Amino acid sequence: MANEQKYNQAVSWLPTTRKEILDRGWDQLDVILFSGDAYVDHPAFGPAVIGRIIESLGLRVAIIPQPNWQDDLRDFRKLGQPKLFFAVSGMALHITSSNNHRHT
């Protein structure tokens, strides 16, 4: 427990890799959040807010930003199976900020 508190004081972002999870002294996550967008730990970014709300409930949460869904799906397995659930925060990446469809 002391290791977790020490780590949380030094680093405030949600873990995104197995190493960051192990550095916190965690053996398993409660929730793994997948985000279609890059992970930016700021209140203007939905996945970060969702992750922080889950974390505020006392759960161990990690985020996997922009998983590669076109290969062998290793990004979906890299953090193991959570105790409670997987969560998905999707994005409409084929639409621009001015609501036009992207060509590529």
PDB file of N, CA and C in Angstrom:
ATOM      1  N   MET A   1       0.820  -1.196   0.000  1.00  0.00           N
ATOM      2  CA  MET A   1       0.000   0.000   0.000  1.00  0.00           C
ATOM      3  C   MET A   1       0.870   1.270   0.000  1.00  0.00           C
ATOM      4  N   ALA A   2       1.953   1.244   0.774  1.00  0.00           N
ATOM      5  CA  ALA A   2       2.830   2.416   0.829  1.00  0.00           C
ATOM      6  C   ALA A   2       3.444   2.687  -0.534  1.00  0.00           C
ATOM      7  N   ASN A   3       3.765   1.620  -1.265  1.00  0.00           N
ATOM      8  CA  ASN A   3       4.322   1.767  -2.605  1.00  0.00           C
ATOM      9  C   ASN A   3       3.312   2.437  -3.534  1.00  0.00           C
ATOM     10  N   GLU A   4       2.028   2.065  -3.434  1.00  0.00           N
ATOM     11  CA  GLU A   4       0.989   2.671  -4.261  1.00  0.00           C
ATOM     12  C   GLU A   4       0.858   4.158  -3.963  1.00  0.00           C
ATOM     13  N   GLN A   5       0.830   4.530  -2.679  1.00  0.00           N
ATOM     14  CA  GLN A   5       0.688   5.937  -2.314  1.00  0.00           C
ATOM     15  C   GLN A   5       1.889   6.745  -2.792  1.00  0.00           C
ATOM     16  N   LYS A   6       3.071   6.203  -2.632  1.00  0.00           N
ATOM     17  CA  LYS A   6       4.282   6.899  -3.075  1.00  0.00           C
ATOM     18  C   LYS A   6       4.242   7.122  -4.579  1.00  0.00           C
ATOM     19  N   TYR A   7       3.845   6.089  -5.323  1.00  0.00           N
ATOM     20  CA  TYR A   7       3.794   6.201  -6.780  1.00  0.00           C
ATOM     21  C   TYR A   7       2.729   7.201  -7.211  1.00  0.00           C
ATOM     22  N   ASN A   8       1.560   7.167  -6.605  1.00  0.00           N
ATOM     23  CA  ASN A   8       0.482   8.072  -6.986  1.00  0.00           C
ATOM     24  C   ASN A   8       0.837   9.531  -6.720  1.00  0.00           C
ATOM     25  N   GLN A   9       1.650   9.787  -5.726  1.00  0.00           N
ATOM     26  CA  GLN A   9       2.063  11.158  -5.470  1.00  0.00           C
ATOM     27  C   GLN A   9       3.054  11.640  -6.527  1.00  0.00           C
ATOM     28  N   ALA A  10       3.892  10.740  -7.035  1.00  0.00           N
ATOM     29  CA  ALA A  10       4.916  11.128  -8.001  1.00  0.00           C
ATOM     30  C   ALA A  10       4.350  11.251  -9.413  1.00  0.00           C
ATOM     31  N   VAL A  11       3.394  10.397  -9.772  1.00  0.00           N
ATOM     32  CA  VAL A  11       2.852  10.361 -11.123  1.00  0.00           C
ATOM     33  C   VAL A  11       1.332  10.361 -11.025  1.00  0.00           C
ATOM     34  N   SER A  12       0.693  11.261 -11.740  1.00  0.00           N
ATOM     35  CA  SER A  12      -0.748  11.369 -11.581  1.00  0.00           C
ATOM     36  C   SER A  12      -1.552  10.838 -12.757  1.00  0.00           C
ATOM     37  N   TRP A  13      -0.913  10.453 -13.863  1.00  0.00           N
ATOM     38  CA  TRP A  13      -1.696   9.985 -15.005  1.00  0.00           C
ATOM     39  C   TRP A  13      -2.084   8.522 -14.832  1.00  0.00           C
ATOM     40  N   LEU A  14      -3.082   8.104 -15.583  1.00  0.00           N
ATOM     41  CA  LEU A  14      -3.519   6.715 -15.553  1.00  0.00           C
ATOM     42  C   LEU A  14      -2.497   5.849 -16.282  1.00  0.00           C
ATOM     43  N   PRO A  15      -2.258   4.629 -15.809  1.00  0.00           N
ATOM     44  CA  PRO A  15      -1.279   3.771 -16.485  1.00  0.00           C
ATOM     45  C   PRO A  15      -1.764   3.348 -17.873  1.00  0.00           C
ATOM     46  N   THR A  16      -0.814   3.201 -18.788  1.00  0.00           N
ATOM     47  CA  THR A  16      -1.128   2.766 -20.152  1.00  0.00           C
ATOM     48  C   THR A  16      -0.311   1.543 -20.567  1.00  0.00           C
ATOM     49  N   THR A  17       0.637   1.134 -19.740  1.00  0.00           N
ATOM     50  CA  THR A  17       1.490  -0.017 -20.070  1.00  0.00           C
ATOM     51  C   THR A  17       1.541  -0.981 -18.891  1.00  0.00           C
ATOM     52  N   ARG A  18       1.975  -2.196 -19.158  1.00  0.00           N
ATOM     53  CA  ARG A  18       2.129  -3.206 -18.114  1.00  0.00           C
ATOM     54  C   ARG A  18       3.168  -2.749 -17.085  1.00  0.00           C
ATOM     55  N   LYS A  19       4.243  -2.102 -17.540  1.00  0.00           N
ATOM     56  CA  LYS A  19       5.282  -1.624 -16.628  1.00  0.00           C
ATOM     57  C   LYS A  19       4.726  -0.590 -15.647  1.00  0.00           C
ATOM     58  N   GLU A  20       3.923   0.332 -16.137  1.00  0.00           N
ATOM     59  CA  GLU A  20       3.337   1.348 -15.262  1.00  0.00           C
ATOM     60  C   GLU A  20       2.398   0.725 -14.229  1.00  0.00           C
ATOM     61  N   ILE A  21       1.709  -0.342 -14.615  1.00  0.00           N
ATOM     62  CA  ILE A  21       0.831  -1.040 -13.674  1.00  0.00           C
ATOM     63  C   ILE A  21       1.666  -1.715 -12.593  1.00  0.00           C
ATOM     64  N   LEU A  22       2.718  -2.408 -13.000  1.00  0.00           N
ATOM     65  CA  LEU A  22       3.588  -3.096 -12.039  1.00  0.00           C
ATOM     66  C   LEU A  22       4.324  -2.108 -11.141  1.00  0.00           C
ATOM     67  N   ASP A  23       4.695  -0.939 -11.679  1.00  0.00           N
ATOM     68  CA  ASP A  23       5.352   0.093 -10.870  1.00  0.00           C
ATOM     69  C   ASP A  23       4.453   0.592  -9.750  1.00  0.00           C
ATOM     70  N   ARG A  24       3.155   0.509  -9.954  1.00  0.00           N
ATOM     71  CA  ARG A  24       2.210   0.915  -8.903  1.00  0.00           C
ATOM     72  C   ARG A  24       1.990  -0.189  -7.874  1.00  0.00           C
ATOM     73  N   GLY A  25       2.559  -1.358  -8.138  1.00  0.00           N
ATOM     74  CA  GLY A  25       2.390  -2.466  -7.203  1.00  0.00           C
ATOM     75  C   GLY A  25       1.091  -3.223  -7.408  1.00  0.00           C
ATOM     76  N   TRP A  26       0.465  -3.051  -8.548  1.00  0.00           N
ATOM     77  CA  TRP A  26      -0.803  -3.720  -8.844  1.00  0.00           C
ATOM     78  C   TRP A  26      -0.530  -5.038  -9.544  1.00  0.00           C
ATOM     79  N   ASP A  27      -1.291  -6.064  -9.186  1.00  0.00           N
ATOM     80  CA  ASP A  27      -1.166  -7.338  -9.875  1.00  0.00           C
ATOM     81  C   ASP A  27      -2.261  -7.506 -10.929  1.00  0.00           C
ATOM     82  N   GLN A  28      -3.404  -6.877 -10.726  1.00  0.00           N
ATOM     83  CA  GLN A  28      -4.498  -6.956 -11.697  1.00  0.00           C
ATOM     84  C   GLN A  28      -5.302  -5.658 -11.640  1.00  0.00           C
ATOM     85  N   LEU A  29      -5.847  -5.288 -12.779  1.00  0.00           N
ATOM     86  CA  LEU A  29      -6.683  -4.091 -12.873  1.00  0.00           C
ATOM     87  C   LEU A  29      -8.134  -4.440 -12.580  1.00  0.00           C
ATOM     88  N   ASP A  30      -8.890  -3.446 -12.159  1.00  0.00           N
ATOM     89  CA  ASP A  30     -10.336  -3.612 -12.015  1.00  0.00           C
ATOM     90  C   ASP A  30     -11.037  -3.292 -13.333  1.00  0.00           C
ATOM     91  N   VAL A  31     -10.542  -2.253 -14.018  1.00  0.00           N
ATOM     92  CA  VAL A  31     -11.175  -1.782 -15.250  1.00  0.00           C
ATOM     93  C   VAL A  31     -10.095  -1.434 -16.263  1.00  0.00           C
ATOM     94  N   ILE A  32     -10.322  -1.832 -17.518  1.00  0.00           N
ATOM     95  CA  ILE A  32      -9.460  -1.400 -18.618  1.00  0.00           C
ATOM     96  C   ILE A  32     -10.325  -0.602 -19.571  1.00  0.00           C
ATOM     97  N   LEU A  33      -9.920   0.635 -19.816  1.00  0.00           N
ATOM     98  CA  LEU A  33     -10.664   1.553 -20.673  1.00  0.00           C
ATOM     99  C   LEU A  33      -9.953   1.680 -22.017  1.00  0.00           C
ATOM    100  N   PHE A  34     -10.673   1.399 -23.093  1.00  0.00           N
ATOM    101  CA  PHE A  34     -10.152   1.564 -24.450  1.00  0.00           C
ATOM    102  C   PHE A  34     -10.651   2.889 -24.993  1.00  0.00           C
ATOM    103  N   SER A  35      -9.756   3.628 -25.622  1.00  0.00           N
ATOM    104  CA  SER A  35     -10.108   4.923 -26.181  1.00  0.00           C
ATOM    105  C   SER A  35      -9.716   4.970 -27.650  1.00  0.00           C
ATOM    106  N   GLY A  36     -10.622   5.444 -28.487  1.00  0.00           N
ATOM    107  CA  GLY A  36     -10.316   5.613 -29.899  1.00  0.00           C
ATOM    108  C   GLY A  36      -9.447   6.817 -30.163  1.00  0.00           C
ATOM    109  N   ASP A  37      -9.194   7.614 -29.141  1.00  0.00           N
ATOM    110  CA  ASP A  37      -8.406   8.826 -29.268  1.00  0.00           C
ATOM    111  C   ASP A  37      -7.116   8.683 -28.475  1.00  0.00           C
ATOM    112  N   ALA A  38      -6.192   9.591 -28.669  1.00  0.00           N
ATOM    113  CA  ALA A  38      -4.958   9.608 -27.880  1.00  0.00           C
ATOM    114  C   ALA A  38      -5.306   9.917 -26.423  1.00  0.00           C
ATOM    115  N   TYR A  39      -4.486   9.450 -25.501  1.00  0.00           N
ATOM    116  CA  TYR A  39      -4.726   9.713 -24.078  1.00  0.00           C
ATOM    117  C   TYR A  39      -4.046  11.013 -23.688  1.00  0.00           C
ATOM    118  N   VAL A  40      -4.853  11.982 -23.336  1.00  0.00           N
ATOM    119  CA  VAL A  40      -4.382  13.258 -22.813  1.00  0.00           C
ATOM    120  C   VAL A  40      -5.085  13.442 -21.478  1.00  0.00           C
ATOM    121  N   ASP A  41      -4.326  13.509 -20.399  1.00  0.00           N
ATOM    122  CA  ASP A  41      -4.911  13.590 -19.069  1.00  0.00           C
ATOM    123  C   ASP A  41      -5.324  15.029 -18.766  1.00  0.00           C
ATOM    124  N   HIS A  42      -6.490  15.385 -19.285  1.00  0.00           N
ATOM    125  CA  HIS A  42      -7.003  16.741 -19.152  1.00  0.00           C
ATOM    126  C   HIS A  42      -8.525  16.676 -19.140  1.00  0.00           C
ATOM    127  N   PRO A  43      -9.202  17.532 -18.380  1.00  0.00           N
ATOM    128  CA  PRO A  43     -10.656  17.472 -18.293  1.00  0.00           C
ATOM    129  C   PRO A  43     -11.389  17.765 -19.604  1.00  0.00           C
ATOM    130  N   ALA A  44     -10.704  18.237 -20.617  1.00  0.00           N
ATOM    131  CA  ALA A  44     -11.356  18.488 -21.904  1.00  0.00           C
ATOM    132  C   ALA A  44     -11.445  17.219 -22.750  1.00  0.00           C
ATOM    133  N   PHE A  45     -10.836  16.129 -22.296  1.00  0.00           N
ATOM    134  CA  PHE A  45     -10.805  14.893 -23.052  1.00  0.00           C
ATOM    135  C   PHE A  45     -11.640  13.832 -22.331  1.00  0.00           C
ATOM    136  N   GLY A  46     -12.689  13.373 -22.992  1.00  0.00           N
ATOM    137  CA  GLY A  46     -13.648  12.445 -22.409  1.00  0.00           C
ATOM    138  C   GLY A  46     -13.058  11.188 -21.805  1.00  0.00           C
ATOM    139  N   PRO A  47     -12.187  10.457 -22.512  1.00  0.00           N
ATOM    140  CA  PRO A  47     -11.635   9.237 -21.927  1.00  0.00           C
ATOM    141  C   PRO A  47     -10.887   9.477 -20.617  1.00  0.00           C
ATOM    142  N   ALA A  48     -10.188  10.591 -20.514  1.00  0.00           N
ATOM    143  CA  ALA A  48      -9.486  10.914 -19.271  1.00  0.00           C
ATOM    144  C   ALA A  48     -10.483  11.161 -18.137  1.00  0.00           C
ATOM    145  N   VAL A  49     -11.566  11.853 -18.437  1.00  0.00           N
ATOM    146  CA  VAL A  49     -12.593  12.119 -17.423  1.00  0.00           C
ATOM    147  C   VAL A  49     -13.244  10.812 -16.972  1.00  0.00           C
ATOM    148  N   ILE A  50     -13.588   9.965 -17.923  1.00  0.00           N
ATOM    149  CA  ILE A  50     -14.198   8.679 -17.588  1.00  0.00           C
ATOM    150  C   ILE A  50     -13.251   7.860 -16.713  1.00  0.00           C
ATOM    151  N   GLY A  51     -11.980   7.799 -17.100  1.00  0.00           N
ATOM    152  CA  GLY A  51     -10.994   7.060 -16.312  1.00  0.00           C
ATOM    153  C   GLY A  51     -10.845   7.620 -14.912  1.00  0.00           C
ATOM    154  N   ARG A  52     -10.841   8.929 -14.792  1.00  0.00           N
ATOM    155  CA  ARG A  52     -10.697   9.569 -13.472  1.00  0.00           C
ATOM    156  C   ARG A  52     -11.925   9.329 -12.588  1.00  0.00           C
ATOM    157  N   ILE A  53     -13.103   9.322 -13.181  1.00  0.00           N
ATOM    158  CA  ILE A  53     -14.307   9.039 -12.390  1.00  0.00           C
ATOM    159  C   ILE A  53     -14.262   7.613 -11.864  1.00  0.00           C
ATOM    160  N   ILE A  54     -13.883   6.676 -12.720  1.00  0.00           N
ATOM    161  CA  ILE A  54     -13.758   5.282 -12.285  1.00  0.00           C
ATOM    162  C   ILE A  54     -12.699   5.162 -11.194  1.00  0.00           C
ATOM    163  N   GLU A  55     -11.582   5.847 -11.372  1.00  0.00           N
ATOM    164  CA  GLU A  55     -10.506   5.826 -10.380  1.00  0.00           C
ATOM    165  C   GLU A  55     -10.963   6.423  -9.048  1.00  0.00           C
ATOM    166  N   SER A  56     -11.788   7.472  -9.107  1.00  0.00           N
ATOM    167  CA  SER A  56     -12.254   8.126  -7.870  1.00  0.00           C
ATOM    168  C   SER A  56     -13.139   7.211  -7.023  1.00  0.00           C
ATOM    169  N   LEU A  57     -13.658   6.150  -7.636  1.00  0.00           N
ATOM    170  CA  LEU A  57     -14.457   5.173  -6.906  1.00  0.00           C
ATOM    171  C   LEU A  57     -13.584   4.149  -6.179  1.00  0.00           C
ATOM    172  N   GLY A  58     -12.275   4.325  -6.294  1.00  0.00           N
ATOM    173  CA  GLY A  58     -11.334   3.435  -5.622  1.00  0.00           C
ATOM    174  C   GLY A  58     -10.928   2.234  -6.445  1.00  0.00           C
ATOM    175  N   LEU A  59     -11.234   2.262  -7.746  1.00  0.00           N
ATOM    176  CA  LEU A  59     -10.910   1.145  -8.614  1.00  0.00           C
ATOM    177  C   LEU A  59      -9.563   1.361  -9.296  1.00  0.00           C
ATOM    178  N   ARG A  60      -8.904   0.266  -9.623  1.00  0.00           N
ATOM    179  CA  ARG A  60      -7.642   0.308 -10.361  1.00  0.00           C
ATOM    180  C   ARG A  60      -7.990   0.315 -11.846  1.00  0.00           C
ATOM    181  N   VAL A  61      -7.657   1.402 -12.500  1.00  0.00           N
ATOM    182  CA  VAL A  61      -8.031   1.570 -13.900  1.00  0.00           C
ATOM    183  C   VAL A  61      -6.808   1.919 -14.737  1.00  0.00           C
ATOM    184  N   ALA A  62      -6.774   1.382 -15.947  1.00  0.00           N
ATOM    185  CA  ALA A  62      -5.741   1.725 -16.925  1.00  0.00           C
ATOM    186  C   ALA A  62      -6.448   2.047 -18.230  1.00  0.00           C
ATOM    187  N   ILE A  63      -5.746   2.746 -19.101  1.00  0.00           N
ATOM    188  CA  ILE A  63      -6.336   3.150 -20.372  1.00  0.00           C
ATOM    189  C   ILE A  63      -5.441   2.666 -21.516  1.00  0.00           C
ATOM    190  N   ILE A  64      -6.064   2.169 -22.564  1.00  0.00           N
ATOM    191  CA  ILE A  64      -5.342   1.773 -23.776  1.00  0.00           C
ATOM    192  C   ILE A  64      -5.802   2.716 -24.882  1.00  0.00           C
ATOM    193  N   PRO A  65      -4.967   3.702 -25.218  1.00  0.00           N
ATOM    194  CA  PRO A  65      -5.368   4.662 -26.251  1.00  0.00           C
ATOM    195  C   PRO A  65      -5.090   4.126 -27.653  1.00  0.00           C
ATOM    196  N   GLN A  66      -5.978   4.405 -28.556  1.00  0.00           N
ATOM    197  CA  GLN A  66      -5.850   4.078 -29.971  1.00  0.00           C
ATOM    198  C   GLN A  66      -5.339   2.651 -30.220  1.00  0.00           C
ATOM    199  N   PRO A  67      -6.073   1.636 -29.763  1.00  0.00           N
ATOM    200  CA  PRO A  67      -5.605   0.275 -30.006  1.00  0.00           C
ATOM    201  C   PRO A  67      -5.648  -0.066 -31.492  1.00  0.00           C
ATOM    202  N   ASN A  68      -4.687  -0.846 -31.929  1.00  0.00           N
ATOM    203  CA  ASN A  68      -4.644  -1.286 -33.322  1.00  0.00           C
ATOM    204  C   ASN A  68      -5.609  -2.453 -33.471  1.00  0.00           C
ATOM    205  N   TRP A  69      -6.691  -2.264 -34.161  1.00  0.00           N
ATOM    206  CA  TRP A  69      -7.702  -3.302 -34.328  1.00  0.00           C
ATOM    207  C   TRP A  69      -7.561  -4.042 -35.654  1.00  0.00           C
ATOM    208  N   GLN A  70      -6.520  -3.725 -36.424  1.00  0.00           N
ATOM    209  CA  GLN A  70      -6.350  -4.341 -37.727  1.00  0.00           C
ATOM    210  C   GLN A  70      -5.290  -5.452 -37.744  1.00  0.00           C
ATOM    211  N   ASP A  71      -4.594  -5.688 -36.651  1.00  0.00           N
ATOM    212  CA  ASP A  71      -3.574  -6.735 -36.634  1.00  0.00           C
ATOM    213  C   ASP A  71      -4.099  -7.962 -35.877  1.00  0.00           C
ATOM    214  N   ASP A  72      -3.274  -8.572 -35.076  1.00  0.00           N
ATOM    215  CA  ASP A  72      -3.683  -9.767 -34.333  1.00  0.00           C
ATOM    216  C   ASP A  72      -4.360  -9.430 -33.002  1.00  0.00           C
ATOM    217  N   LEU A  73      -4.744  -8.174 -32.824  1.00  0.00           N
ATOM    218  CA  LEU A  73      -5.478  -7.690 -31.645  1.00  0.00           C
ATOM    219  C   LEU A  73      -4.666  -7.757 -30.350  1.00  0.00           C
ATOM    220  N   ARG A  74      -3.335  -7.722 -30.448  1.00  0.00           N
ATOM    221  CA  ARG A  74      -2.496  -7.796 -29.251  1.00  0.00           C
ATOM    222  C   ARG A  74      -2.732  -6.635 -28.290  1.00  0.00           C
ATOM    223  N   ASP A  75      -3.121  -5.457 -28.802  1.00  0.00           N
ATOM    224  CA  ASP A  75      -3.395  -4.323 -27.911  1.00  0.00           C
ATOM    225  C   ASP A  75      -4.558  -4.618 -26.969  1.00  0.00           C
ATOM    226  N   PHE A  76      -5.463  -5.474 -27.383  1.00  0.00           N
ATOM    227  CA  PHE A  76      -6.621  -5.804 -26.561  1.00  0.00           C
ATOM    228  C   PHE A  76      -6.296  -6.845 -25.483  1.00  0.00           C
ATOM    229  N   ARG A  77      -5.118  -7.457 -25.576  1.00  0.00           N
ATOM    230  CA  ARG A  77      -4.719  -8.474 -24.605  1.00  0.00           C
ATOM    231  C   ARG A  77      -3.527  -8.051 -23.750  1.00  0.00           C
ATOM    232  N   LYS A  78      -2.905  -6.938 -24.045  1.00  0.00           N
ATOM    233  CA  LYS A  78      -1.617  -6.617 -23.433  1.00  0.00           C
ATOM    234  C   LYS A  78      -1.665  -6.322 -21.935  1.00  0.00           C
ATOM    235  N   LEU A  79      -2.792  -5.939 -21.397  1.00  0.00           N
ATOM    236  CA  LEU A  79      -2.880  -5.648 -19.967  1.00  0.00           C
ATOM    237  C   LEU A  79      -3.592  -6.745 -19.183  1.00  0.00           C
ATOM    238  N   GLY A  80      -3.952  -7.827 -19.847  1.00  0.00           N
ATOM    239  CA  GLY A  80      -4.617  -8.929 -19.163  1.00  0.00           C
ATOM    240  C   GLY A  80      -6.113  -8.698 -19.041  1.00  0.00           C
ATOM    241  N   GLN A  81      -6.738  -9.546 -18.242  1.00  0.00           N
ATOM    242  CA  GLN A  81      -8.187  -9.452 -18.042  1.00  0.00           C
ATOM    243  C   GLN A  81      -8.465  -8.685 -16.750  1.00  0.00           C
ATOM    244  N   PRO A  82      -9.339  -7.687 -16.799  1.00  0.00           N
ATOM    245  CA  PRO A  82      -9.659  -6.947 -15.581  1.00  0.00           C
ATOM    246  C   PRO A  82     -10.584  -7.748 -14.673  1.00  0.00           C
ATOM    247  N   LYS A  83     -10.595  -7.394 -13.395  1.00  0.00           N
ATOM    248  CA  LYS A  83     -11.485  -8.071 -12.444  1.00  0.00           C
ATOM    249  C   LYS A  83     -12.950  -7.769 -12.739  1.00  0.00           C
ATOM    250  N   LEU A  84     -13.255  -6.529 -13.148  1.00  0.00           N
ATOM    251  CA  LEU A  84     -14.653  -6.148 -13.306  1.00  0.00           C
ATOM    252  C   LEU A  84     -15.115  -6.074 -14.755  1.00  0.00           C
ATOM    253  N   PHE A  85     -14.514  -5.167 -15.545  1.00  0.00           N
ATOM    254  CA  PHE A  85     -14.997  -5.011 -16.913  1.00  0.00           C
ATOM    255  C   PHE A  85     -14.033  -4.234 -17.787  1.00  0.00           C
ATOM    256  N   PHE A  86     -14.261  -4.380 -19.091  1.00  0.00           N
ATOM    257  CA  PHE A  86     -13.625  -3.534 -20.091  1.00  0.00           C
ATOM    258  C   PHE A  86     -14.606  -2.415 -20.404  1.00  0.00           C
ATOM    259  N   ALA A  87     -14.104  -1.222 -20.663  1.00  0.00           N
ATOM    260  CA  ALA A  87     -14.951  -0.099 -21.063  1.00  0.00           C
ATOM    261  C   ALA A  87     -14.407   0.452 -22.376  1.00  0.00           C
ATOM    262  N   VAL A  88     -15.291   0.950 -23.219  1.00  0.00           N
ATOM    263  CA  VAL A  88     -14.889   1.470 -24.521  1.00  0.00           C
ATOM    264  C   VAL A  88     -15.425   2.878 -24.675  1.00  0.00           C
ATOM    265  N   SER A  89     -14.535   3.787 -25.028  1.00  0.00           N
ATOM    266  CA  SER A  89     -14.908   5.158 -25.327  1.00  0.00           C
ATOM    267  C   SER A  89     -14.581   5.392 -26.798  1.00  0.00           C
ATOM    268  N   GLY A  90     -15.581   5.426 -27.632  1.00  0.00           N
ATOM    269  CA  GLY A  90     -15.364   5.536 -29.069  1.00  0.00           C
ATOM    270  C   GLY A  90     -15.334   6.966 -29.555  1.00  0.00           C
ATOM    271  N   MET A  91     -14.834   7.122 -30.758  1.00  0.00           N
ATOM    272  CA  MET A  91     -14.770   8.434 -31.389  1.00  0.00           C
ATOM    273  C   MET A  91     -15.191   8.280 -32.844  1.00  0.00           C
ATOM    274  N   ALA A  92     -15.833   9.277 -33.369  1.00  0.00           N
ATOM    275  CA  ALA A  92     -16.185   9.288 -34.786  1.00  0.00           C
ATOM    276  C   ALA A  92     -15.032   9.927 -35.551  1.00  0.00           C
ATOM    277  N   LEU A  93     -14.003   9.155 -35.831  1.00  0.00           N
ATOM    278  CA  LEU A  93     -12.805   9.690 -36.447  1.00  0.00           C
ATOM    279  C   LEU A  93     -12.958   9.981 -37.931  1.00  0.00           C
ATOM    280  N   HIS A  94     -14.029   9.524 -38.534  1.00  0.00           N
ATOM    281  CA  HIS A  94     -14.217   9.775 -39.960  1.00  0.00           C
ATOM    282  C   HIS A  94     -14.936  11.103 -40.217  1.00  0.00           C
ATOM    283  N   ILE A  95     -15.206  11.862 -39.153  1.00  0.00           N
ATOM    284  CA  ILE A  95     -15.864  13.164 -39.284  1.00  0.00           C
ATOM    285  C   ILE A  95     -14.938  14.241 -38.722  1.00  0.00           C
ATOM    286  N   THR A  96     -14.795  15.345 -39.441  1.00  0.00           N
ATOM    287  CA  THR A  96     -13.938  16.440 -38.994  1.00  0.00           C
ATOM    288  C   THR A  96     -14.652  17.277 -37.943  1.00  0.00           C
ATOM    289  N   SER A  97     -13.944  18.225 -37.345  1.00  0.00           N
ATOM    290  CA  SER A  97     -14.545  19.089 -36.329  1.00  0.00           C
ATOM    291  C   SER A  97     -15.646  19.978 -36.917  1.00  0.00           C
ATOM    292  N   SER A  98     -15.620  20.207 -38.230  1.00  0.00           N
ATOM    293  CA  SER A  98     -16.680  20.990 -38.873  1.00  0.00           C
ATOM    294  C   SER A  98     -17.778  20.090 -39.442  1.00  0.00           C
ATOM    295  N   ASN A  99     -17.829  18.828 -38.987  1.00  0.00           N
ATOM    296  CA  ASN A  99     -18.872  17.869 -39.325  1.00  0.00           C
ATOM    297  C   ASN A  99     -18.862  17.456 -40.788  1.00  0.00           C
ATOM    298  N   ASN A 100     -17.686  17.487 -41.428  1.00  0.00           N
ATOM    299  CA  ASN A 100     -17.532  16.996 -42.797  1.00  0.00           C
ATOM    300  C   ASN A 100     -16.894  15.613 -42.762  1.00  0.00           C
ATOM    301  N   HIS A 101     -17.206  14.783 -43.730  1.00  0.00           N
ATOM    302  CA  HIS A 101     -16.603  13.455 -43.795  1.00  0.00           C
ATOM    303  C   HIS A 101     -15.165  13.543 -44.303  1.00  0.00           C
ATOM    304  N   ARG A 102     -14.281  12.799 -43.660  1.00  0.00           N
ATOM    305  CA  ARG A 102     -12.896  12.735 -44.085  1.00  0.00           C
ATOM    306  C   ARG A 102     -12.782  11.888 -45.336  1.00  0.00           C
ATOM    307  N   HIS A 103     -11.818  12.220 -46.186  1.00  0.00           N
ATOM    308  CA  HIS A 103     -11.593  11.459 -47.419  1.00  0.00           C
ATOM    309  C   HIS A 103     -10.676  10.267 -47.183  1.00  0.00           C
ATOM    310  N   THR A 104      -9.796  10.385 -46.172  1.00  0.00           N
ATOM    311  CA  THR A 104      -8.879   9.275 -45.873  1.00  0.00           C
ATOM    312  C   THR A 104      -8.964   8.928 -44.403  1.00  0.00           C
TER     313      THR A 104
END
